[in-house]
């Protein structure tokens, strides 16, 4: 019986990308991703309620600003930091400014975040050339 090649999807999320199955440097799993965005949303909601209540787009603007600034500076938003996650360029190097801008703009649309590839990367990560890893 001939050897059956491995699935193109890999044996675990990130396998095709050369990432470990678990632990530091592995793909962030859905539970942590959802918790991280919940932390960011709650914090932005609190700031919105305290300072910007009544402005229809202020909450989204706060979220977008927080993500772009903190991703560009630290490679992680507050929710990412709280849950031990980090956004890195897929092929190494610096995150720069353009990746956080593209990633956050697509994340603000929500649809790319709920469509994942075989490595559990949302379309916002695919199009920005990034991957969300356990730190």
C-alpha atoms as a PDB file:
ATOM      1  CA  UNK A   1       0.000   0.000   0.000  1.00  0.00           C
ATOM      2  CA  UNK A   2       1.541   3.391  -0.996  1.00  0.00           C
ATOM      3  CA  UNK A   3       2.301   6.064   1.565  1.00  0.00           C
ATOM      4  CA  UNK A   4      -0.479   8.604   1.849  1.00  0.00           C
ATOM      5  CA  UNK A   5       0.881  12.167   1.822  1.00  0.00           C
ATOM      6  CA  UNK A   6       0.036  14.457   4.706  1.00  0.00           C
ATOM      7  CA  UNK A   7      -2.986  16.652   4.339  1.00  0.00           C
ATOM      8  CA  UNK A   8      -2.249  20.047   2.771  1.00  0.00           C
ATOM      9  CA  UNK A   9      -3.925  21.505   5.833  1.00  0.00           C
ATOM     10  CA  UNK A  10      -1.219  20.070   8.089  1.00  0.00           C
ATOM     11  CA  UNK A  11      -1.571  18.038  11.231  1.00  0.00           C
ATOM     12  CA  UNK A  12      -2.350  21.058  13.449  1.00  0.00           C
ATOM     13  CA  UNK A  13      -2.979  24.766  12.912  1.00  0.00           C
ATOM     14  CA  UNK A  14       0.350  26.308  11.916  1.00  0.00           C
ATOM     15  CA  UNK A  15       2.013  23.047  10.854  1.00  0.00           C
ATOM     16  CA  UNK A  16       2.187  24.188   7.217  1.00  0.00           C
ATOM     17  CA  UNK A  17       3.776  27.425   8.431  1.00  0.00           C
ATOM     18  CA  UNK A  18       6.472  25.600  10.409  1.00  0.00           C
ATOM     19  CA  UNK A  19       5.000  26.544  13.780  1.00  0.00           C
ATOM     20  CA  UNK A  20       4.886  24.248  16.814  1.00  0.00           C
ATOM     21  CA  UNK A  21       1.713  22.414  17.783  1.00  0.00           C
ATOM     22  CA  UNK A  22       1.461  23.983  21.226  1.00  0.00           C
ATOM     23  CA  UNK A  23       3.179  26.324  23.636  1.00  0.00           C
ATOM     24  CA  UNK A  24       5.197  29.428  22.867  1.00  0.00           C
ATOM     25  CA  UNK A  25       5.190  30.341  19.186  1.00  0.00           C
ATOM     26  CA  UNK A  26       2.143  28.239  18.306  1.00  0.00           C
ATOM     27  CA  UNK A  27      -0.977  29.595  16.612  1.00  0.00           C
ATOM     28  CA  UNK A  28      -3.341  31.299  19.042  1.00  0.00           C
ATOM     29  CA  UNK A  29      -6.456  29.173  19.429  1.00  0.00           C
ATOM     30  CA  UNK A  30     -10.002  30.547  19.077  1.00  0.00           C
ATOM     31  CA  UNK A  31     -10.743  30.777  22.809  1.00  0.00           C
ATOM     32  CA  UNK A  32      -7.803  33.093  23.474  1.00  0.00           C
ATOM     33  CA  UNK A  33      -8.531  35.120  20.338  1.00  0.00           C
ATOM     34  CA  UNK A  34     -12.138  35.701  21.368  1.00  0.00           C
ATOM     35  CA  UNK A  35     -11.155  36.527  24.954  1.00  0.00           C
ATOM     36  CA  UNK A  36      -8.525  39.019  23.737  1.00  0.00           C
ATOM     37  CA  UNK A  37     -10.954  40.872  21.497  1.00  0.00           C
ATOM     38  CA  UNK A  38     -13.518  40.833  24.325  1.00  0.00           C
ATOM     39  CA  UNK A  39     -10.984  42.485  26.665  1.00  0.00           C
ATOM     40  CA  UNK A  40     -10.238  45.166  24.053  1.00  0.00           C
ATOM     41  CA  UNK A  41     -13.936  45.718  23.356  1.00  0.00           C
ATOM     42  CA  UNK A  42     -14.805  46.044  27.045  1.00  0.00           C
ATOM     43  CA  UNK A  43     -11.963  48.500  27.689  1.00  0.00           C
ATOM     44  CA  UNK A  44     -12.875  50.588  24.645  1.00  0.00           C
ATOM     45  CA  UNK A  45     -16.520  50.472  25.752  1.00  0.00           C
ATOM     46  CA  UNK A  46     -15.599  51.798  29.192  1.00  0.00           C
ATOM     47  CA  UNK A  47     -13.546  54.668  27.733  1.00  0.00           C
ATOM     48  CA  UNK A  48     -16.379  55.384  25.301  1.00  0.00           C
ATOM     49  CA  UNK A  49     -18.973  55.478  28.101  1.00  0.00           C
ATOM     50  CA  UNK A  50     -16.825  57.774  30.245  1.00  0.00           C
ATOM     51  CA  UNK A  51     -15.702  60.272  27.615  1.00  0.00           C
ATOM     52  CA  UNK A  52     -17.497  59.885  24.293  1.00  0.00           C
ATOM     53  CA  UNK A  53     -21.038  58.696  25.036  1.00  0.00           C
ATOM     54  CA  UNK A  54     -23.408  59.801  22.290  1.00  0.00           C
ATOM     55  CA  UNK A  55     -20.866  59.789  19.474  1.00  0.00           C
ATOM     56  CA  UNK A  56     -21.927  56.928  17.216  1.00  0.00           C
ATOM     57  CA  UNK A  57     -18.482  56.030  15.815  1.00  0.00           C
ATOM     58  CA  UNK A  58     -16.291  56.832  18.836  1.00  0.00           C
ATOM     59  CA  UNK A  59     -16.231  53.281  20.207  1.00  0.00           C
ATOM     60  CA  UNK A  60     -15.022  51.842  16.897  1.00  0.00           C
ATOM     61  CA  UNK A  61     -12.530  54.699  16.485  1.00  0.00           C
ATOM     62  CA  UNK A  62     -11.129  53.966  19.957  1.00  0.00           C
ATOM     63  CA  UNK A  63     -10.742  50.281  19.110  1.00  0.00           C
ATOM     64  CA  UNK A  64      -9.054  51.047  15.783  1.00  0.00           C
ATOM     65  CA  UNK A  65      -6.666  53.575  17.370  1.00  0.00           C
ATOM     66  CA  UNK A  66      -5.791  51.203  20.226  1.00  0.00           C
ATOM     67  CA  UNK A  67      -5.062  48.343  17.848  1.00  0.00           C
ATOM     68  CA  UNK A  68      -2.953  50.334  15.382  1.00  0.00           C
ATOM     69  CA  UNK A  69      -0.889  52.170  17.996  1.00  0.00           C
ATOM     70  CA  UNK A  70      -0.252  49.195  20.271  1.00  0.00           C
ATOM     71  CA  UNK A  71       0.341  46.691  17.459  1.00  0.00           C
ATOM     72  CA  UNK A  72       2.856  49.028  15.815  1.00  0.00           C
ATOM     73  CA  UNK A  73       4.595  49.762  19.126  1.00  0.00           C
ATOM     74  CA  UNK A  74       4.433  46.421  20.952  1.00  0.00           C
ATOM     75  CA  UNK A  75       3.095  43.807  18.518  1.00  0.00           C
ATOM     76  CA  UNK A  76       0.031  43.304  20.713  1.00  0.00           C
ATOM     77  CA  UNK A  77      -3.104  45.090  21.845  1.00  0.00           C
ATOM     78  CA  UNK A  78      -4.157  45.182  25.508  1.00  0.00           C
ATOM     79  CA  UNK A  79      -6.262  42.032  25.109  1.00  0.00           C
ATOM     80  CA  UNK A  80      -3.377  40.233  23.397  1.00  0.00           C
ATOM     81  CA  UNK A  81      -0.989  41.227  26.176  1.00  0.00           C
ATOM     82  CA  UNK A  82      -3.444  40.137  28.869  1.00  0.00           C
ATOM     83  CA  UNK A  83      -3.828  36.699  27.279  1.00  0.00           C
ATOM     84  CA  UNK A  84      -0.220  36.109  26.274  1.00  0.00           C
ATOM     85  CA  UNK A  85      -0.602  36.639  22.519  1.00  0.00           C
ATOM     86  CA  UNK A  86       1.486  38.486  19.955  1.00  0.00           C
ATOM     87  CA  UNK A  87       1.005  39.508  16.317  1.00  0.00           C
ATOM     88  CA  UNK A  88       4.081  38.875  14.172  1.00  0.00           C
ATOM     89  CA  UNK A  89       4.838  39.067  10.454  1.00  0.00           C
ATOM     90  CA  UNK A  90       4.421  35.663   8.841  1.00  0.00           C
ATOM     91  CA  UNK A  91       7.849  35.690   7.221  1.00  0.00           C
ATOM     92  CA  UNK A  92       9.791  37.429   9.988  1.00  0.00           C
ATOM     93  CA  UNK A  93      11.055  40.962  10.217  1.00  0.00           C
ATOM     94  CA  UNK A  94       9.344  43.965  11.741  1.00  0.00           C
ATOM     95  CA  UNK A  95       5.610  44.462  11.978  1.00  0.00           C
ATOM     96  CA  UNK A  96       5.983  48.087  10.888  1.00  0.00           C
ATOM     97  CA  UNK A  97       2.990  50.393  10.541  1.00  0.00           C
ATOM     98  CA  UNK A  98       1.279  49.190   7.366  1.00  0.00           C
ATOM     99  CA  UNK A  99       0.513  45.705   8.737  1.00  0.00           C
ATOM    100  CA  UNK A 100      -1.316  47.003  11.839  1.00  0.00           C
ATOM    101  CA  UNK A 101      -3.245  49.496   9.677  1.00  0.00           C
ATOM    102  CA  UNK A 102      -4.360  46.861   7.138  1.00  0.00           C
ATOM    103  CA  UNK A 103      -5.042  44.222   9.821  1.00  0.00           C
ATOM    104  CA  UNK A 104      -7.098  46.620  11.951  1.00  0.00           C
ATOM    105  CA  UNK A 105      -9.050  48.071   9.023  1.00  0.00           C
ATOM    106  CA  UNK A 106     -10.088  44.565   8.008  1.00  0.00           C
ATOM    107  CA  UNK A 107     -10.777  43.554  11.617  1.00  0.00           C
ATOM    108  CA  UNK A 108     -13.078  46.568  11.978  1.00  0.00           C
ATOM    109  CA  UNK A 109     -15.166  45.114   9.136  1.00  0.00           C
ATOM    110  CA  UNK A 110     -15.575  41.933  11.270  1.00  0.00           C
ATOM    111  CA  UNK A 111     -16.182  39.612   8.312  1.00  0.00           C
ATOM    112  CA  UNK A 112     -12.478  38.857   7.681  1.00  0.00           C
ATOM    113  CA  UNK A 113     -12.031  37.973  11.363  1.00  0.00           C
ATOM    114  CA  UNK A 114     -14.626  35.204  11.260  1.00  0.00           C
ATOM    115  CA  UNK A 115     -13.360  33.629   8.028  1.00  0.00           C
ATOM    116  CA  UNK A 116     -10.310  31.481   8.755  1.00  0.00           C
ATOM    117  CA  UNK A 117      -7.895  29.486   6.675  1.00  0.00           C
ATOM    118  CA  UNK A 118      -6.672  25.974   7.515  1.00  0.00           C
ATOM    119  CA  UNK A 119      -4.113  27.452   9.933  1.00  0.00           C
ATOM    120  CA  UNK A 120      -6.786  29.373  11.877  1.00  0.00           C
ATOM    121  CA  UNK A 121      -5.595  32.702  10.511  1.00  0.00           C
ATOM    122  CA  UNK A 122      -8.399  35.170   9.908  1.00  0.00           C
ATOM    123  CA  UNK A 123      -8.501  36.932   6.566  1.00  0.00           C
ATOM    124  CA  UNK A 124      -7.316  40.091   8.330  1.00  0.00           C
ATOM    125  CA  UNK A 125      -4.099  38.207   9.203  1.00  0.00           C
ATOM    126  CA  UNK A 126      -3.826  36.581   5.763  1.00  0.00           C
ATOM    127  CA  UNK A 127      -4.112  39.911   3.902  1.00  0.00           C
ATOM    128  CA  UNK A 128      -1.733  41.727   6.266  1.00  0.00           C
ATOM    129  CA  UNK A 129       0.843  38.934   6.206  1.00  0.00           C
ATOM    130  CA  UNK A 130       0.661  38.379   9.959  1.00  0.00           C
ATOM    131  CA  UNK A 131      -0.007  35.553  12.369  1.00  0.00           C
ATOM    132  CA  UNK A 132      -1.300  35.679  15.952  1.00  0.00           C
ATOM    133  CA  UNK A 133       0.892  33.518  18.175  1.00  0.00           C
ATOM    134  CA  UNK A 134       1.105  32.490  21.793  1.00  0.00           C
ATOM    135  CA  UNK A 135       3.861  34.576  23.374  1.00  0.00           C
END
